[in-house]
């Protein structure tokens, strides 16, 4: 049977939520001027810091009501304009992973809560084979403020990939799932190869318990991050501190590090103490 790779959008393929990009083009079409969802701004700020919560996703699910009367053609035009901005924002190592799956013959599927009408142009631009997303209801001319089918989130997103896999003769056991959100754990649990990408705190815990891979798409595979930052970034404030208790350092071969251009500096064995040595070295050579 065939396999597929299911990708979440916000904070997985993208570093942030896609809402700001869509909002810019919806406003340019005159659709969101004066539109206000109570608490939306606070919920979005919280989302950018901590990821999905039931509160901000409840607000998101209600956004369809504000679209009642919006012309379909204008929304489609806004989505086409947003597609390039979204494609430009896709994290570099997400593209590497997508290219690898594509080369192996794995189907690429965008699985997102974001409305289908918003993400289809982006999905086409990125070469996805299918889109599983929330469907807004319309009569061909205007949206009516309701959805067709479920709000594709949490267990409903899992159900969407299960149904799609059955319809397309895809083996979920041989498939991959990528997401940042605790609420996508059901989707990740449904595939044979789950990857927690830049995971929120709860998904990090679940991934550790389940033995799922944890990684970021803004860094190569295997680079460890703590609260969104690499270990050397946390150690940055201490780079200029020369004394280290109970240790002295002598550096040889500093002349081999170029004063201009790039260089790769590697640890010679696995020791957490190496991080201090490396930071002192970088402080010396600048």
C-alpha atoms as a PDB file:
ATOM      1  CA  UNK A   1       0.000   0.000   0.000  1.00  0.00           C
ATOM      2  CA  UNK A   2       0.964   3.631  -0.413  1.00  0.00           C
ATOM      3  CA  UNK A   3       2.151   5.887   2.404  1.00  0.00           C
ATOM      4  CA  UNK A   4       1.501   9.541   3.178  1.00  0.00           C
ATOM      5  CA  UNK A   5       3.012  12.360   5.208  1.00  0.00           C
ATOM      6  CA  UNK A   6       0.469  14.532   7.029  1.00  0.00           C
ATOM      7  CA  UNK A   7       1.611  18.049   7.899  1.00  0.00           C
ATOM      8  CA  UNK A   8       0.000  20.559  10.235  1.00  0.00           C
ATOM      9  CA  UNK A   9       0.385  24.189   9.112  1.00  0.00           C
ATOM     10  CA  UNK A  10       0.688  26.755  11.919  1.00  0.00           C
ATOM     11  CA  UNK A  11       3.813  26.467  14.111  1.00  0.00           C
ATOM     12  CA  UNK A  12       4.794  23.329  12.196  1.00  0.00           C
ATOM     13  CA  UNK A  13       5.464  24.188   8.566  1.00  0.00           C
ATOM     14  CA  UNK A  14       5.312  27.866   9.524  1.00  0.00           C
ATOM     15  CA  UNK A  15       7.119  29.451  12.496  1.00  0.00           C
ATOM     16  CA  UNK A  16       3.950  31.270  13.556  1.00  0.00           C
ATOM     17  CA  UNK A  17       0.219  31.297  12.937  1.00  0.00           C
ATOM     18  CA  UNK A  18      -0.930  31.951   9.386  1.00  0.00           C
ATOM     19  CA  UNK A  19      -3.756  34.218  10.530  1.00  0.00           C
ATOM     20  CA  UNK A  20      -1.794  37.461  10.229  1.00  0.00           C
ATOM     21  CA  UNK A  21      -0.908  36.729   6.597  1.00  0.00           C
ATOM     22  CA  UNK A  22      -4.461  35.812   5.641  1.00  0.00           C
ATOM     23  CA  UNK A  23      -5.768  38.793   7.596  1.00  0.00           C
ATOM     24  CA  UNK A  24      -3.623  41.216   5.600  1.00  0.00           C
ATOM     25  CA  UNK A  25      -5.081  40.102   2.292  1.00  0.00           C
ATOM     26  CA  UNK A  26      -8.647  39.745   3.555  1.00  0.00           C
ATOM     27  CA  UNK A  27      -8.446  43.336   4.765  1.00  0.00           C
ATOM     28  CA  UNK A  28      -7.049  44.415   1.384  1.00  0.00           C
ATOM     29  CA  UNK A  29     -10.182  42.911  -0.179  1.00  0.00           C
ATOM     30  CA  UNK A  30     -12.313  44.958   2.217  1.00  0.00           C
ATOM     31  CA  UNK A  31     -13.597  41.889   4.049  1.00  0.00           C
ATOM     32  CA  UNK A  32     -12.319  42.273   7.611  1.00  0.00           C
ATOM     33  CA  UNK A  33     -12.490  46.049   8.084  1.00  0.00           C
ATOM     34  CA  UNK A  34     -14.389  46.617  11.310  1.00  0.00           C
ATOM     35  CA  UNK A  35     -14.594  42.890  12.059  1.00  0.00           C
ATOM     36  CA  UNK A  36     -13.935  42.116  15.708  1.00  0.00           C
ATOM     37  CA  UNK A  37     -14.054  38.817  17.563  1.00  0.00           C
ATOM     38  CA  UNK A  38     -13.989  39.482  21.339  1.00  0.00           C
ATOM     39  CA  UNK A  39     -10.741  38.273  22.897  1.00  0.00           C
ATOM     40  CA  UNK A  40      -9.202  37.360  19.537  1.00  0.00           C
ATOM     41  CA  UNK A  41      -6.125  39.565  19.918  1.00  0.00           C
ATOM     42  CA  UNK A  42      -5.297  38.236  23.392  1.00  0.00           C
ATOM     43  CA  UNK A  43      -5.903  34.657  22.294  1.00  0.00           C
ATOM     44  CA  UNK A  44      -3.597  35.075  19.294  1.00  0.00           C
ATOM     45  CA  UNK A  45      -0.796  36.508  21.439  1.00  0.00           C
ATOM     46  CA  UNK A  46      -1.157  33.594  23.847  1.00  0.00           C
ATOM     47  CA  UNK A  47      -1.127  31.164  20.910  1.00  0.00           C
ATOM     48  CA  UNK A  48       2.126  32.575  19.549  1.00  0.00           C
ATOM     49  CA  UNK A  49       3.772  31.999  22.930  1.00  0.00           C
ATOM     50  CA  UNK A  50       2.293  28.697  24.056  1.00  0.00           C
ATOM     51  CA  UNK A  51       0.493  27.081  21.123  1.00  0.00           C
ATOM     52  CA  UNK A  52      -3.097  25.919  20.872  1.00  0.00           C
ATOM     53  CA  UNK A  53      -5.529  26.033  23.783  1.00  0.00           C
ATOM     54  CA  UNK A  54      -9.216  25.199  23.931  1.00  0.00           C
ATOM     55  CA  UNK A  55      -9.931  28.906  24.360  1.00  0.00           C
ATOM     56  CA  UNK A  56      -8.165  30.164  21.252  1.00  0.00           C
ATOM     57  CA  UNK A  57      -9.415  27.254  19.154  1.00  0.00           C
ATOM     58  CA  UNK A  58     -12.980  27.893  20.317  1.00  0.00           C
ATOM     59  CA  UNK A  59     -12.580  31.475  19.119  1.00  0.00           C
ATOM     60  CA  UNK A  60     -11.117  30.204  15.850  1.00  0.00           C
ATOM     61  CA  UNK A  61     -14.078  27.895  15.314  1.00  0.00           C
ATOM     62  CA  UNK A  62     -16.418  30.887  15.614  1.00  0.00           C
ATOM     63  CA  UNK A  63     -14.593  32.936  12.977  1.00  0.00           C
ATOM     64  CA  UNK A  64     -16.714  31.361  10.236  1.00  0.00           C
ATOM     65  CA  UNK A  65     -19.702  33.354  11.524  1.00  0.00           C
ATOM     66  CA  UNK A  66     -17.969  36.630  10.683  1.00  0.00           C
ATOM     67  CA  UNK A  67     -17.603  35.430   7.081  1.00  0.00           C
ATOM     68  CA  UNK A  68     -21.344  35.318   6.454  1.00  0.00           C
ATOM     69  CA  UNK A  69     -21.965  37.294   3.266  1.00  0.00           C
ATOM     70  CA  UNK A  70     -18.335  37.387   2.139  1.00  0.00           C
ATOM     71  CA  UNK A  71     -18.077  36.955  -1.645  1.00  0.00           C
ATOM     72  CA  UNK A  72     -16.392  33.654  -2.496  1.00  0.00           C
ATOM     73  CA  UNK A  73     -14.422  35.271  -5.322  1.00  0.00           C
ATOM     74  CA  UNK A  74     -12.873  37.854  -2.988  1.00  0.00           C
ATOM     75  CA  UNK A  75     -11.831  35.262  -0.421  1.00  0.00           C
ATOM     76  CA  UNK A  76     -10.318  33.087  -3.145  1.00  0.00           C
ATOM     77  CA  UNK A  77      -8.401  36.082  -4.490  1.00  0.00           C
ATOM     78  CA  UNK A  78      -7.076  36.934  -1.014  1.00  0.00           C
ATOM     79  CA  UNK A  79      -5.974  33.311  -0.552  1.00  0.00           C
ATOM     80  CA  UNK A  80      -4.093  33.326  -3.864  1.00  0.00           C
ATOM     81  CA  UNK A  81      -2.253  36.498  -2.862  1.00  0.00           C
ATOM     82  CA  UNK A  82      -1.424  35.033   0.555  1.00  0.00           C
ATOM     83  CA  UNK A  83      -0.049  31.795  -0.926  1.00  0.00           C
ATOM     84  CA  UNK A  84       3.331  33.251  -1.872  1.00  0.00           C
ATOM     85  CA  UNK A  85       3.833  34.874   1.545  1.00  0.00           C
ATOM     86  CA  UNK A  86       3.000  31.566   3.211  1.00  0.00           C
ATOM     87  CA  UNK A  87       5.338  29.631   0.921  1.00  0.00           C
ATOM     88  CA  UNK A  88       8.145  32.083   1.684  1.00  0.00           C
ATOM     89  CA  UNK A  89       7.539  31.574   5.421  1.00  0.00           C
ATOM     90  CA  UNK A  90       7.799  27.767   5.337  1.00  0.00           C
ATOM     91  CA  UNK A  91      10.744  26.713   7.486  1.00  0.00           C
ATOM     92  CA  UNK A  92      13.803  25.547   5.572  1.00  0.00           C
ATOM     93  CA  UNK A  93      14.059  22.058   7.002  1.00  0.00           C
ATOM     94  CA  UNK A  94      10.337  21.491   6.466  1.00  0.00           C
ATOM     95  CA  UNK A  95      11.040  21.845   2.752  1.00  0.00           C
ATOM     96  CA  UNK A  96      13.894  19.344   3.062  1.00  0.00           C
ATOM     97  CA  UNK A  97      11.581  16.807   4.718  1.00  0.00           C
ATOM     98  CA  UNK A  98       8.853  17.381   2.128  1.00  0.00           C
ATOM     99  CA  UNK A  99      11.312  16.921  -0.733  1.00  0.00           C
ATOM    100  CA  UNK A 100      12.576  13.683   0.809  1.00  0.00           C
ATOM    101  CA  UNK A 101       9.068  12.272   1.156  1.00  0.00           C
ATOM    102  CA  UNK A 102       8.200  13.336  -2.377  1.00  0.00           C
ATOM    103  CA  UNK A 103      11.320  11.657  -3.761  1.00  0.00           C
ATOM    104  CA  UNK A 104      10.348   8.441  -1.951  1.00  0.00           C
ATOM    105  CA  UNK A 105       6.887   8.478  -3.518  1.00  0.00           C
ATOM    106  CA  UNK A 106       5.099   9.386  -0.279  1.00  0.00           C
ATOM    107  CA  UNK A 107       1.913  11.412  -0.727  1.00  0.00           C
ATOM    108  CA  UNK A 108       2.018  14.868   0.880  1.00  0.00           C
ATOM    109  CA  UNK A 109      -1.136  15.903   2.727  1.00  0.00           C
ATOM    110  CA  UNK A 110      -1.803  19.246   4.407  1.00  0.00           C
ATOM    111  CA  UNK A 111      -3.963  18.577   7.482  1.00  0.00           C
ATOM    112  CA  UNK A 112      -5.074  21.831   9.061  1.00  0.00           C
ATOM    113  CA  UNK A 113      -7.941  23.481  10.885  1.00  0.00           C
ATOM    114  CA  UNK A 114      -7.609  26.509   8.584  1.00  0.00           C
ATOM    115  CA  UNK A 115     -10.450  26.723   6.018  1.00  0.00           C
ATOM    116  CA  UNK A 116      -9.868  24.905   2.742  1.00  0.00           C
ATOM    117  CA  UNK A 117     -10.577  28.020   0.693  1.00  0.00           C
ATOM    118  CA  UNK A 118      -7.684  29.762   2.459  1.00  0.00           C
ATOM    119  CA  UNK A 119      -5.034  27.061   2.104  1.00  0.00           C
ATOM    120  CA  UNK A 120      -5.689  25.430  -1.271  1.00  0.00           C
ATOM    121  CA  UNK A 121      -3.580  27.936  -3.287  1.00  0.00           C
ATOM    122  CA  UNK A 122      -0.713  27.514  -0.807  1.00  0.00           C
ATOM    123  CA  UNK A 123      -0.999  23.727  -0.921  1.00  0.00           C
ATOM    124  CA  UNK A 124      -0.914  23.788  -4.715  1.00  0.00           C
ATOM    125  CA  UNK A 125       2.135  26.051  -4.707  1.00  0.00           C
ATOM    126  CA  UNK A 126       3.961  23.742  -2.270  1.00  0.00           C
ATOM    127  CA  UNK A 127       3.109  20.586  -4.213  1.00  0.00           C
ATOM    128  CA  UNK A 128       0.775  18.893  -1.735  1.00  0.00           C
ATOM    129  CA  UNK A 129      -1.234  15.991  -3.096  1.00  0.00           C
ATOM    130  CA  UNK A 130      -4.271  16.607  -0.893  1.00  0.00           C
ATOM    131  CA  UNK A 131      -5.749  19.038   1.624  1.00  0.00           C
ATOM    132  CA  UNK A 132      -7.743  18.058   4.713  1.00  0.00           C
ATOM    133  CA  UNK A 133      -9.211  21.212   6.220  1.00  0.00           C
ATOM    134  CA  UNK A 134     -12.356  22.870   7.534  1.00  0.00           C
ATOM    135  CA  UNK A 135     -14.948  23.472   4.803  1.00  0.00           C
ATOM    136  CA  UNK A 136     -16.870  26.741   4.809  1.00  0.00           C
ATOM    137  CA  UNK A 137     -20.370  26.544   3.359  1.00  0.00           C
ATOM    138  CA  UNK A 138     -21.335  28.748   0.405  1.00  0.00           C
ATOM    139  CA  UNK A 139     -23.776  28.869  -2.513  1.00  0.00           C
ATOM    140  CA  UNK A 140     -21.121  29.579  -5.102  1.00  0.00           C
ATOM    141  CA  UNK A 141     -21.402  33.325  -4.637  1.00  0.00           C
ATOM    142  CA  UNK A 142     -21.153  34.030  -0.901  1.00  0.00           C
ATOM    143  CA  UNK A 143     -20.317  32.223   2.320  1.00  0.00           C
ATOM    144  CA  UNK A 144     -23.219  31.675   4.714  1.00  0.00           C
ATOM    145  CA  UNK A 145     -21.357  31.652   8.049  1.00  0.00           C
ATOM    146  CA  UNK A 146     -21.501  27.892   8.647  1.00  0.00           C
ATOM    147  CA  UNK A 147     -19.302  24.884   7.953  1.00  0.00           C
ATOM    148  CA  UNK A 148     -19.883  21.779   5.876  1.00  0.00           C
ATOM    149  CA  UNK A 149     -18.815  18.883   8.049  1.00  0.00           C
ATOM    150  CA  UNK A 150     -16.700  19.181  11.198  1.00  0.00           C
ATOM    151  CA  UNK A 151     -14.240  21.762  12.446  1.00  0.00           C
ATOM    152  CA  UNK A 152     -11.085  19.799  11.568  1.00  0.00           C
ATOM    153  CA  UNK A 153      -9.304  19.875  14.911  1.00  0.00           C
ATOM    154  CA  UNK A 154      -8.272  17.366  17.563  1.00  0.00           C
ATOM    155  CA  UNK A 155      -9.969  13.964  17.112  1.00  0.00           C
ATOM    156  CA  UNK A 156     -11.769  15.322  14.036  1.00  0.00           C
ATOM    157  CA  UNK A 157      -8.424  15.841  12.307  1.00  0.00           C
ATOM    158  CA  UNK A 158      -7.514  12.247  13.122  1.00  0.00           C
ATOM    159  CA  UNK A 159     -10.848  11.115  11.681  1.00  0.00           C
ATOM    160  CA  UNK A 160     -10.150  13.130   8.529  1.00  0.00           C
ATOM    161  CA  UNK A 161      -6.798  11.437   7.883  1.00  0.00           C
ATOM    162  CA  UNK A 162      -8.232   7.991   8.666  1.00  0.00           C
ATOM    163  CA  UNK A 163     -11.094   8.498   6.194  1.00  0.00           C
ATOM    164  CA  UNK A 164      -8.744   9.908   3.553  1.00  0.00           C
ATOM    165  CA  UNK A 165      -6.316   7.015   3.983  1.00  0.00           C
ATOM    166  CA  UNK A 166      -9.096   4.444   3.535  1.00  0.00           C
ATOM    167  CA  UNK A 167     -10.438   6.209   0.453  1.00  0.00           C
ATOM    168  CA  UNK A 168      -6.975   6.446  -1.104  1.00  0.00           C
ATOM    169  CA  UNK A 169      -5.676   3.005  -0.091  1.00  0.00           C
ATOM    170  CA  UNK A 170      -2.926   4.509   2.067  1.00  0.00           C
ATOM    171  CA  UNK A 171      -1.358   2.590   4.950  1.00  0.00           C
ATOM    172  CA  UNK A 172      -1.345   4.729   8.091  1.00  0.00           C
ATOM    173  CA  UNK A 173       1.093   2.284   9.675  1.00  0.00           C
ATOM    174  CA  UNK A 174       3.624   3.272   7.004  1.00  0.00           C
ATOM    175  CA  UNK A 175       2.707   6.971   7.092  1.00  0.00           C
ATOM    176  CA  UNK A 176       4.122  10.032   8.852  1.00  0.00           C
ATOM    177  CA  UNK A 177       2.571  12.809  10.905  1.00  0.00           C
ATOM    178  CA  UNK A 178       4.052  16.204  11.782  1.00  0.00           C
ATOM    179  CA  UNK A 179       2.577  18.671  14.263  1.00  0.00           C
ATOM    180  CA  UNK A 180       3.409  21.037  17.108  1.00  0.00           C
ATOM    181  CA  UNK A 181       0.169  20.731  19.042  1.00  0.00           C
ATOM    182  CA  UNK A 182      -0.979  18.576  21.940  1.00  0.00           C
ATOM    183  CA  UNK A 183      -4.412  18.576  20.313  1.00  0.00           C
ATOM    184  CA  UNK A 184      -2.954  16.805  17.274  1.00  0.00           C
ATOM    185  CA  UNK A 185      -1.800  13.875  19.409  1.00  0.00           C
ATOM    186  CA  UNK A 186      -4.734  11.753  18.117  1.00  0.00           C
ATOM    187  CA  UNK A 187      -3.561  12.352  14.531  1.00  0.00           C
ATOM    188  CA  UNK A 188       0.041  11.547  15.428  1.00  0.00           C
ATOM    189  CA  UNK A 189      -1.029   8.413  17.277  1.00  0.00           C
ATOM    190  CA  UNK A 190      -2.857   7.218  14.153  1.00  0.00           C
ATOM    191  CA  UNK A 191       0.303   7.019  12.013  1.00  0.00           C
ATOM    192  CA  UNK A 192       3.284   4.720  12.243  1.00  0.00           C
ATOM    193  CA  UNK A 193       5.865   7.511  12.259  1.00  0.00           C
ATOM    194  CA  UNK A 194       4.892  10.453  14.473  1.00  0.00           C
ATOM    195  CA  UNK A 195       7.086  13.540  14.703  1.00  0.00           C
ATOM    196  CA  UNK A 196       6.496  16.317  17.242  1.00  0.00           C
ATOM    197  CA  UNK A 197       7.738  19.500  15.562  1.00  0.00           C
ATOM    198  CA  UNK A 198       8.520  22.446  17.839  1.00  0.00           C
ATOM    199  CA  UNK A 199       6.050  20.858  20.264  1.00  0.00           C
ATOM    200  CA  UNK A 200       4.171  22.627  23.009  1.00  0.00           C
ATOM    201  CA  UNK A 201       4.816  21.453  26.575  1.00  0.00           C
ATOM    202  CA  UNK A 202       2.077  18.832  26.674  1.00  0.00           C
ATOM    203  CA  UNK A 203       2.955  17.331  23.292  1.00  0.00           C
ATOM    204  CA  UNK A 204       6.613  17.229  24.355  1.00  0.00           C
ATOM    205  CA  UNK A 205       5.620  15.095  27.347  1.00  0.00           C
ATOM    206  CA  UNK A 206       3.431  12.799  25.246  1.00  0.00           C
ATOM    207  CA  UNK A 207       6.132  12.424  22.594  1.00  0.00           C
ATOM    208  CA  UNK A 208       8.695  11.480  25.242  1.00  0.00           C
ATOM    209  CA  UNK A 209       6.360   8.858  26.720  1.00  0.00           C
ATOM    210  CA  UNK A 210       5.413   7.445  23.319  1.00  0.00           C
ATOM    211  CA  UNK A 211       8.948   7.472  21.953  1.00  0.00           C
ATOM    212  CA  UNK A 212       8.039   9.824  19.101  1.00  0.00           C
ATOM    213  CA  UNK A 213      10.729  11.855  17.403  1.00  0.00           C
ATOM    214  CA  UNK A 214      11.001  15.465  18.599  1.00  0.00           C
ATOM    215  CA  UNK A 215      12.562  18.058  16.324  1.00  0.00           C
ATOM    216  CA  UNK A 216      12.341  21.571  14.893  1.00  0.00           C
ATOM    217  CA  UNK A 217      12.033  22.547  11.251  1.00  0.00           C
ATOM    218  CA  UNK A 218      14.248  25.613  11.682  1.00  0.00           C
ATOM    219  CA  UNK A 219      17.281  23.429  12.467  1.00  0.00           C
ATOM    220  CA  UNK A 220      18.774  20.195  11.127  1.00  0.00           C
ATOM    221  CA  UNK A 221      17.496  16.893  12.440  1.00  0.00           C
ATOM    222  CA  UNK A 222      19.013  16.016  15.817  1.00  0.00           C
ATOM    223  CA  UNK A 223      19.562  19.576  17.041  1.00  0.00           C
ATOM    224  CA  UNK A 224      18.126  19.756  20.549  1.00  0.00           C
ATOM    225  CA  UNK A 225      16.042  22.739  21.617  1.00  0.00           C
ATOM    226  CA  UNK A 226      14.823  23.757  25.064  1.00  0.00           C
ATOM    227  CA  UNK A 227      11.838  26.114  25.113  1.00  0.00           C
ATOM    228  CA  UNK A 228      12.450  26.961  21.479  1.00  0.00           C
ATOM    229  CA  UNK A 229      16.164  27.767  21.837  1.00  0.00           C
ATOM    230  CA  UNK A 230      19.272  25.720  21.136  1.00  0.00           C
ATOM    231  CA  UNK A 231      21.484  24.941  24.139  1.00  0.00           C
ATOM    232  CA  UNK A 232      24.278  27.256  22.989  1.00  0.00           C
ATOM    233  CA  UNK A 233      21.755  30.101  22.775  1.00  0.00           C
ATOM    234  CA  UNK A 234      20.894  29.635  26.446  1.00  0.00           C
ATOM    235  CA  UNK A 235      24.623  29.659  27.244  1.00  0.00           C
ATOM    236  CA  UNK A 236      25.220  32.842  25.261  1.00  0.00           C
ATOM    237  CA  UNK A 237      25.154  35.157  28.338  1.00  0.00           C
ATOM    238  CA  UNK A 238      28.014  33.152  29.860  1.00  0.00           C
ATOM    239  CA  UNK A 239      30.339  33.211  26.856  1.00  0.00           C
ATOM    240  CA  UNK A 240      32.414  36.081  28.201  1.00  0.00           C
ATOM    241  CA  UNK A 241      32.800  34.502  31.635  1.00  0.00           C
ATOM    242  CA  UNK A 242      36.334  33.107  31.782  1.00  0.00           C
ATOM    243  CA  UNK A 243      36.481  31.375  35.195  1.00  0.00           C
ATOM    244  CA  UNK A 244      34.863  27.968  35.555  1.00  0.00           C
ATOM    245  CA  UNK A 245      34.999  26.397  38.995  1.00  0.00           C
ATOM    246  CA  UNK A 246      37.447  23.504  39.405  1.00  0.00           C
ATOM    247  CA  UNK A 247      38.668  23.724  35.792  1.00  0.00           C
ATOM    248  CA  UNK A 248      41.264  25.499  33.705  1.00  0.00           C
ATOM    249  CA  UNK A 249      41.358  25.702  29.921  1.00  0.00           C
ATOM    250  CA  UNK A 250      44.226  25.758  27.452  1.00  0.00           C
ATOM    251  CA  UNK A 251      43.393  26.176  23.771  1.00  0.00           C
ATOM    252  CA  UNK A 252      45.701  25.068  20.963  1.00  0.00           C
ATOM    253  CA  UNK A 253      45.242  25.562  17.234  1.00  0.00           C
ATOM    254  CA  UNK A 254      43.167  28.740  17.391  1.00  0.00           C
ATOM    255  CA  UNK A 255      44.930  29.873  14.218  1.00  0.00           C
ATOM    256  CA  UNK A 256      43.038  27.167  12.322  1.00  0.00           C
ATOM    257  CA  UNK A 257      39.753  28.982  12.860  1.00  0.00           C
ATOM    258  CA  UNK A 258      39.280  31.517  10.024  1.00  0.00           C
ATOM    259  CA  UNK A 259      38.712  35.130  10.996  1.00  0.00           C
ATOM    260  CA  UNK A 260      36.219  35.532   8.147  1.00  0.00           C
ATOM    261  CA  UNK A 261      33.621  33.269   6.613  1.00  0.00           C
ATOM    262  CA  UNK A 262      31.993  30.187   8.028  1.00  0.00           C
ATOM    263  CA  UNK A 263      33.482  27.299   9.947  1.00  0.00           C
ATOM    264  CA  UNK A 264      32.227  24.107  11.562  1.00  0.00           C
ATOM    265  CA  UNK A 265      33.441  23.510  15.118  1.00  0.00           C
ATOM    266  CA  UNK A 266      32.749  20.021  16.450  1.00  0.00           C
ATOM    267  CA  UNK A 267      32.891  18.425  19.890  1.00  0.00           C
ATOM    268  CA  UNK A 268      35.288  15.480  20.046  1.00  0.00           C
ATOM    269  CA  UNK A 269      33.271  13.431  22.529  1.00  0.00           C
ATOM    270  CA  UNK A 270      29.885  13.430  24.241  1.00  0.00           C
ATOM    271  CA  UNK A 271      30.123  15.564  27.354  1.00  0.00           C
ATOM    272  CA  UNK A 272      27.890  18.349  28.636  1.00  0.00           C
ATOM    273  CA  UNK A 273      31.087  20.048  29.822  1.00  0.00           C
ATOM    274  CA  UNK A 274      32.097  20.506  26.169  1.00  0.00           C
ATOM    275  CA  UNK A 275      29.464  23.211  25.838  1.00  0.00           C
ATOM    276  CA  UNK A 276      31.369  25.406  28.307  1.00  0.00           C
ATOM    277  CA  UNK A 277      34.652  24.762  26.509  1.00  0.00           C
ATOM    278  CA  UNK A 278      33.108  25.605  23.148  1.00  0.00           C
ATOM    279  CA  UNK A 279      31.591  28.839  24.421  1.00  0.00           C
ATOM    280  CA  UNK A 280      34.919  29.938  25.919  1.00  0.00           C
ATOM    281  CA  UNK A 281      36.578  29.122  22.601  1.00  0.00           C
ATOM    282  CA  UNK A 282      34.048  31.197  20.673  1.00  0.00           C
ATOM    283  CA  UNK A 283      34.562  34.060  23.101  1.00  0.00           C
ATOM    284  CA  UNK A 284      38.296  33.987  22.388  1.00  0.00           C
ATOM    285  CA  UNK A 285      38.066  33.900  18.601  1.00  0.00           C
ATOM    286  CA  UNK A 286      35.030  36.166  18.330  1.00  0.00           C
END
